[in-house]
Amino acid sequence: MAEEKGPLMALNHISRLCRNVDSSIEFYRNVLGMELTKRPQALENFNGAWLFNYGVGIHLVQAKDEDRLPDPQHELDPMDNHISFQCEDMEAMETRVKEHKVEYKKRIIEDEENGSKIEQLFFKDPDGFMIEICNCENMRLVPASSLSVAKIKLPLDRHIPPLDLNSTS
């Protein structure tokens, strides 16, 4: 009997501890184009912020203990922990990163088998968390086995989370 997978639909958000929430808000808005959204009142007892765009949220939380944060001076290593955002215009994104004076590393991966090329930009947010920007749609997602194809799920029928464009507040 085949193992049934959970009813997951998509990545909802990532959470990041911050040295300074305001500096992180500025970075994610200006460099990545995230939009500030309201947090539930129940979360107002601690400093933080919610940002959203491109189908994913970033929740920022003021760190109580900065020892839990990565070293922002640590070398950029594409093989280290990171989050990755899909990008439709890598040249424009590289220009934006340069304009904001963000140190970055550029890498190009070529897949000789199907002739595709992926461009990647790696850089860190103000708290030392690494971010990748890529045009990974250039490379096909190929399940490891032909049986996996039917198990890959994409939320094509709805936007998660729902977007309230009618709110006046």
C-alpha atoms as a PDB file:
ATOM      1  CA  MET A   1       0.000   0.000   0.000  1.00  0.00           C
ATOM      2  CA  ALA A   2       1.356   3.412  -0.992  1.00  0.00           C
ATOM      3  CA  GLU A   3       2.169   5.917   1.736  1.00  0.00           C
ATOM      4  CA  GLU A   4      -0.284   8.841   1.656  1.00  0.00           C
ATOM      5  CA  LYS A   5       1.221  12.306   1.819  1.00  0.00           C
ATOM      6  CA  GLY A   6      -0.208  15.108   3.967  1.00  0.00           C
ATOM      7  CA  PRO A   7      -2.583  17.682   2.489  1.00  0.00           C
ATOM      8  CA  LEU A   8       0.063  20.428   2.190  1.00  0.00           C
ATOM      9  CA  MET A   9      -0.479  23.054  -0.500  1.00  0.00           C
ATOM     10  CA  ALA A  10       2.456  25.482  -0.548  1.00  0.00           C
ATOM     11  CA  LEU A  11       5.077  27.249   1.542  1.00  0.00           C
ATOM     12  CA  ASN A  12       3.201  29.809   3.644  1.00  0.00           C
ATOM     13  CA  HIS A  13       5.951  31.793   5.362  1.00  0.00           C
ATOM     14  CA  ILE A  14       9.414  31.755   6.793  1.00  0.00           C
ATOM     15  CA  SER A  15      10.257  33.302  10.130  1.00  0.00           C
ATOM     16  CA  ARG A  16      13.454  35.240  10.781  1.00  0.00           C
ATOM     17  CA  LEU A  17      14.899  36.521  14.034  1.00  0.00           C
ATOM     18  CA  CYS A  18      16.191  40.096  13.734  1.00  0.00           C
ATOM     19  CA  ARG A  19      18.711  42.314  15.446  1.00  0.00           C
ATOM     20  CA  ASN A  20      16.536  45.261  14.458  1.00  0.00           C
ATOM     21  CA  VAL A  21      13.039  44.678  13.024  1.00  0.00           C
ATOM     22  CA  ASP A  22      12.880  48.117  11.370  1.00  0.00           C
ATOM     23  CA  SER A  23      16.174  47.562   9.497  1.00  0.00           C
ATOM     24  CA  SER A  24      14.973  44.154   8.335  1.00  0.00           C
ATOM     25  CA  ILE A  25      11.628  45.593   7.181  1.00  0.00           C
ATOM     26  CA  GLU A  26      13.505  48.204   5.138  1.00  0.00           C
ATOM     27  CA  PHE A  27      15.751  45.536   3.571  1.00  0.00           C
ATOM     28  CA  TYR A  28      12.931  43.129   2.646  1.00  0.00           C
ATOM     29  CA  ARG A  29      10.768  45.931   1.255  1.00  0.00           C
ATOM     30  CA  ASN A  30      13.457  47.799  -0.684  1.00  0.00           C
ATOM     31  CA  VAL A  31      15.654  44.954  -1.903  1.00  0.00           C
ATOM     32  CA  LEU A  32      13.111  42.145  -2.336  1.00  0.00           C
ATOM     33  CA  GLY A  33       9.891  44.097  -2.890  1.00  0.00           C
ATOM     34  CA  MET A  34       7.980  42.552   0.016  1.00  0.00           C
ATOM     35  CA  GLU A  35       4.912  44.403   1.318  1.00  0.00           C
ATOM     36  CA  LEU A  36       4.174  45.050   4.977  1.00  0.00           C
ATOM     37  CA  THR A  37       0.935  43.379   6.133  1.00  0.00           C
ATOM     38  CA  LYS A  38      -1.013  43.465   9.387  1.00  0.00           C
ATOM     39  CA  ARG A  39      -0.241  41.020  12.165  1.00  0.00           C
ATOM     40  CA  PRO A  40      -2.976  39.612  14.394  1.00  0.00           C
ATOM     41  CA  GLN A  41      -3.543  41.684  17.565  1.00  0.00           C
ATOM     42  CA  ALA A  42      -2.661  38.632  19.632  1.00  0.00           C
ATOM     43  CA  LEU A  43       0.947  39.032  18.450  1.00  0.00           C
ATOM     44  CA  GLU A  44       1.313  42.659  19.480  1.00  0.00           C
ATOM     45  CA  ASN A  45       2.938  41.643  22.791  1.00  0.00           C
ATOM     46  CA  PHE A  46       6.341  41.329  21.027  1.00  0.00           C
ATOM     47  CA  ASN A  47       8.161  43.361  18.381  1.00  0.00           C
ATOM     48  CA  GLY A  48       7.835  41.908  14.917  1.00  0.00           C
ATOM     49  CA  ALA A  49       6.426  42.389  11.443  1.00  0.00           C
ATOM     50  CA  TRP A  50       4.776  40.401   8.682  1.00  0.00           C
ATOM     51  CA  LEU A  51       5.666  40.963   5.058  1.00  0.00           C
ATOM     52  CA  PHE A  52       4.168  39.253   2.034  1.00  0.00           C
ATOM     53  CA  ASN A  53       4.605  39.064  -1.724  1.00  0.00           C
ATOM     54  CA  TYR A  54       5.204  36.502  -4.467  1.00  0.00           C
ATOM     55  CA  GLY A  55       3.072  33.901  -2.697  1.00  0.00           C
ATOM     56  CA  VAL A  56       5.142  33.700   0.473  1.00  0.00           C
ATOM     57  CA  GLY A  57       5.265  35.533   3.785  1.00  0.00           C
ATOM     58  CA  ILE A  58       8.265  36.581   5.831  1.00  0.00           C
ATOM     59  CA  HIS A  59       7.646  36.943   9.555  1.00  0.00           C
ATOM     60  CA  LEU A  60      10.226  39.048  11.367  1.00  0.00           C
ATOM     61  CA  VAL A  61      10.675  38.660  15.122  1.00  0.00           C
ATOM     62  CA  GLN A  62      12.934  40.787  17.337  1.00  0.00           C
ATOM     63  CA  ALA A  63      15.632  38.485  18.747  1.00  0.00           C
ATOM     64  CA  LYS A  64      15.848  38.253  22.512  1.00  0.00           C
ATOM     65  CA  ASP A  65      19.271  36.626  22.224  1.00  0.00           C
ATOM     66  CA  GLU A  66      21.478  37.759  19.319  1.00  0.00           C
ATOM     67  CA  ASP A  67      23.678  34.678  19.802  1.00  0.00           C
ATOM     68  CA  ARG A  68      20.943  32.763  17.963  1.00  0.00           C
ATOM     69  CA  LEU A  69      21.541  34.845  14.810  1.00  0.00           C
ATOM     70  CA  PRO A  70      24.100  33.961  12.137  1.00  0.00           C
ATOM     71  CA  ASP A  71      27.292  35.969  11.803  1.00  0.00           C
ATOM     72  CA  PRO A  72      26.592  38.571   9.076  1.00  0.00           C
ATOM     73  CA  GLN A  73      30.351  38.716   8.353  1.00  0.00           C
ATOM     74  CA  HIS A  74      30.513  34.974   7.573  1.00  0.00           C
ATOM     75  CA  GLU A  75      31.504  34.259   3.968  1.00  0.00           C
ATOM     76  CA  LEU A  76      28.760  33.897   1.339  1.00  0.00           C
ATOM     77  CA  ASP A  77      28.571  30.174   0.629  1.00  0.00           C
ATOM     78  CA  PRO A  78      25.894  28.958  -1.836  1.00  0.00           C
ATOM     79  CA  MET A  79      26.076  25.553  -0.139  1.00  0.00           C
ATOM     80  CA  ASP A  80      24.960  27.027   3.213  1.00  0.00           C
ATOM     81  CA  ASN A  81      21.380  27.371   4.542  1.00  0.00           C
ATOM     82  CA  HIS A  82      19.319  29.829   2.523  1.00  0.00           C
ATOM     83  CA  ILE A  83      15.879  30.674   1.174  1.00  0.00           C
ATOM     84  CA  SER A  84      15.413  31.068  -2.562  1.00  0.00           C
ATOM     85  CA  PHE A  85      13.095  33.298  -4.564  1.00  0.00           C
ATOM     86  CA  GLN A  86      12.202  32.738  -8.196  1.00  0.00           C
ATOM     87  CA  CYS A  87      12.994  35.752 -10.394  1.00  0.00           C
ATOM     88  CA  GLU A  88      11.757  36.638 -13.877  1.00  0.00           C
ATOM     89  CA  ASP A  89      14.394  39.319 -14.571  1.00  0.00           C
ATOM     90  CA  MET A  90      17.808  38.478 -13.132  1.00  0.00           C
ATOM     91  CA  GLU A  91      19.474  41.524 -14.666  1.00  0.00           C
ATOM     92  CA  ALA A  92      16.976  43.880 -12.973  1.00  0.00           C
ATOM     93  CA  MET A  93      17.425  42.061  -9.666  1.00  0.00           C
ATOM     94  CA  GLU A  94      21.206  42.292  -9.870  1.00  0.00           C
ATOM     95  CA  THR A  95      20.877  46.023 -10.580  1.00  0.00           C
ATOM     96  CA  ARG A  96      18.601  46.420  -7.538  1.00  0.00           C
ATOM     97  CA  VAL A  97      21.047  44.558  -5.274  1.00  0.00           C
ATOM     98  CA  LYS A  98      23.906  46.766  -6.519  1.00  0.00           C
ATOM     99  CA  GLU A  99      21.845  49.960  -6.017  1.00  0.00           C
ATOM    100  CA  HIS A 100      21.286  49.009  -2.372  1.00  0.00           C
ATOM    101  CA  LYS A 101      25.005  48.233  -1.975  1.00  0.00           C
ATOM    102  CA  VAL A 102      24.335  44.640  -0.942  1.00  0.00           C
ATOM    103  CA  GLU A 103      27.364  42.365  -1.238  1.00  0.00           C
ATOM    104  CA  TYR A 104      26.478  39.378  -3.411  1.00  0.00           C
ATOM    105  CA  LYS A 105      27.892  36.373  -5.209  1.00  0.00           C
ATOM    106  CA  LYS A 106      26.728  35.449  -8.719  1.00  0.00           C
ATOM    107  CA  ARG A 107      26.752  31.884  -9.986  1.00  0.00           C
ATOM    108  CA  ILE A 108      25.636  30.267 -13.247  1.00  0.00           C
ATOM    109  CA  ILE A 109      24.762  26.580 -13.480  1.00  0.00           C
ATOM    110  CA  GLU A 110      24.510  25.004 -16.904  1.00  0.00           C
ATOM    111  CA  ASP A 111      22.700  21.698 -17.455  1.00  0.00           C
ATOM    112  CA  GLU A 112      24.333  20.162 -20.500  1.00  0.00           C
ATOM    113  CA  GLU A 113      21.720  17.380 -20.634  1.00  0.00           C
ATOM    114  CA  ASN A 114      18.859  19.714 -21.592  1.00  0.00           C
ATOM    115  CA  GLY A 115      20.788  22.877 -22.494  1.00  0.00           C
ATOM    116  CA  SER A 116      19.333  25.012 -19.710  1.00  0.00           C
ATOM    117  CA  LYS A 117      21.143  27.686 -17.713  1.00  0.00           C
ATOM    118  CA  ILE A 118      20.279  28.915 -14.207  1.00  0.00           C
ATOM    119  CA  GLU A 119      21.536  32.242 -12.892  1.00  0.00           C
ATOM    120  CA  GLN A 120      21.789  32.684  -9.128  1.00  0.00           C
ATOM    121  CA  LEU A 121      22.504  35.651  -6.863  1.00  0.00           C
ATOM    122  CA  PHE A 122      23.381  34.976  -3.220  1.00  0.00           C
ATOM    123  CA  PHE A 123      23.417  37.658  -0.532  1.00  0.00           C
ATOM    124  CA  LYS A 124      22.545  38.143   3.126  1.00  0.00           C
ATOM    125  CA  ASP A 125      19.830  40.085   4.891  1.00  0.00           C
ATOM    126  CA  PRO A 126      20.871  42.515   7.691  1.00  0.00           C
ATOM    127  CA  ASP A 127      20.840  39.654  10.192  1.00  0.00           C
ATOM    128  CA  GLY A 128      23.124  37.342   8.226  1.00  0.00           C
ATOM    129  CA  PHE A 129      20.481  34.994   6.767  1.00  0.00           C
ATOM    130  CA  MET A 130      21.384  34.036   3.208  1.00  0.00           C
ATOM    131  CA  ILE A 131      18.991  34.602   0.315  1.00  0.00           C
ATOM    132  CA  GLU A 132      19.183  33.208  -3.198  1.00  0.00           C
ATOM    133  CA  ILE A 133      17.527  34.820  -6.203  1.00  0.00           C
ATOM    134  CA  CYS A 134      17.348  32.551  -9.249  1.00  0.00           C
ATOM    135  CA  ASN A 135      15.673  31.849 -12.545  1.00  0.00           C
ATOM    136  CA  CYS A 136      15.243  28.196 -11.614  1.00  0.00           C
ATOM    137  CA  GLU A 137      12.224  27.792 -13.888  1.00  0.00           C
ATOM    138  CA  ASN A 138      14.804  27.339 -16.649  1.00  0.00           C
ATOM    139  CA  MET A 139      15.504  23.857 -15.286  1.00  0.00           C
ATOM    140  CA  ARG A 140      12.759  21.267 -15.230  1.00  0.00           C
ATOM    141  CA  LEU A 141      11.659  19.681 -11.979  1.00  0.00           C
ATOM    142  CA  VAL A 142      12.156  15.963 -12.603  1.00  0.00           C
ATOM    143  CA  PRO A 143      10.877  13.578  -9.919  1.00  0.00           C
ATOM    144  CA  ALA A 144      13.414  10.953  -8.862  1.00  0.00           C
ATOM    145  CA  SER A 145      11.060   8.177  -9.959  1.00  0.00           C
ATOM    146  CA  SER A 146       8.277   8.072 -12.518  1.00  0.00           C
ATOM    147  CA  LEU A 147       5.888   7.092  -9.701  1.00  0.00           C
ATOM    148  CA  SER A 148       6.504  10.459  -7.972  1.00  0.00           C
ATOM    149  CA  VAL A 149       5.004  12.515 -10.818  1.00  0.00           C
ATOM    150  CA  ALA A 150       1.411  11.961  -9.687  1.00  0.00           C
ATOM    151  CA  LYS A 151       2.339  12.882  -6.093  1.00  0.00           C
ATOM    152  CA  ILE A 152       3.646  16.393  -6.825  1.00  0.00           C
ATOM    153  CA  LYS A 153       0.946  18.914  -5.967  1.00  0.00           C
ATOM    154  CA  LEU A 154       0.643  22.531  -7.109  1.00  0.00           C
ATOM    155  CA  PRO A 155      -2.016  24.890  -5.672  1.00  0.00           C
ATOM    156  CA  LEU A 156      -3.328  26.082  -9.038  1.00  0.00           C
ATOM    157  CA  ASP A 157      -6.934  26.679  -7.998  1.00  0.00           C
ATOM    158  CA  ARG A 158      -6.483  29.292  -5.263  1.00  0.00           C
ATOM    159  CA  HIS A 159      -4.114  31.837  -3.787  1.00  0.00           C
ATOM    160  CA  ILE A 160      -2.678  30.918  -0.396  1.00  0.00           C
ATOM    161  CA  PRO A 161      -3.181  32.848   1.828  1.00  0.00           C
ATOM    162  CA  PRO A 162      -6.283  34.582   0.500  1.00  0.00           C
ATOM    163  CA  LEU A 163      -5.622  38.162  -0.501  1.00  0.00           C
ATOM    164  CA  ASP A 164      -8.105  40.732   0.808  1.00  0.00           C
ATOM    165  CA  LEU A 165      -8.082  43.595  -1.675  1.00  0.00           C
ATOM    166  CA  ASN A 166     -11.360  45.054  -0.369  1.00  0.00           C
ATOM    167  CA  SER A 167     -10.079  45.943   3.100  1.00  0.00           C
ATOM    168  CA  THR A 168     -10.124  49.684   3.829  1.00  0.00           C
ATOM    169  CA  SER A 169      -7.950  49.611   6.929  1.00  0.00           C
END
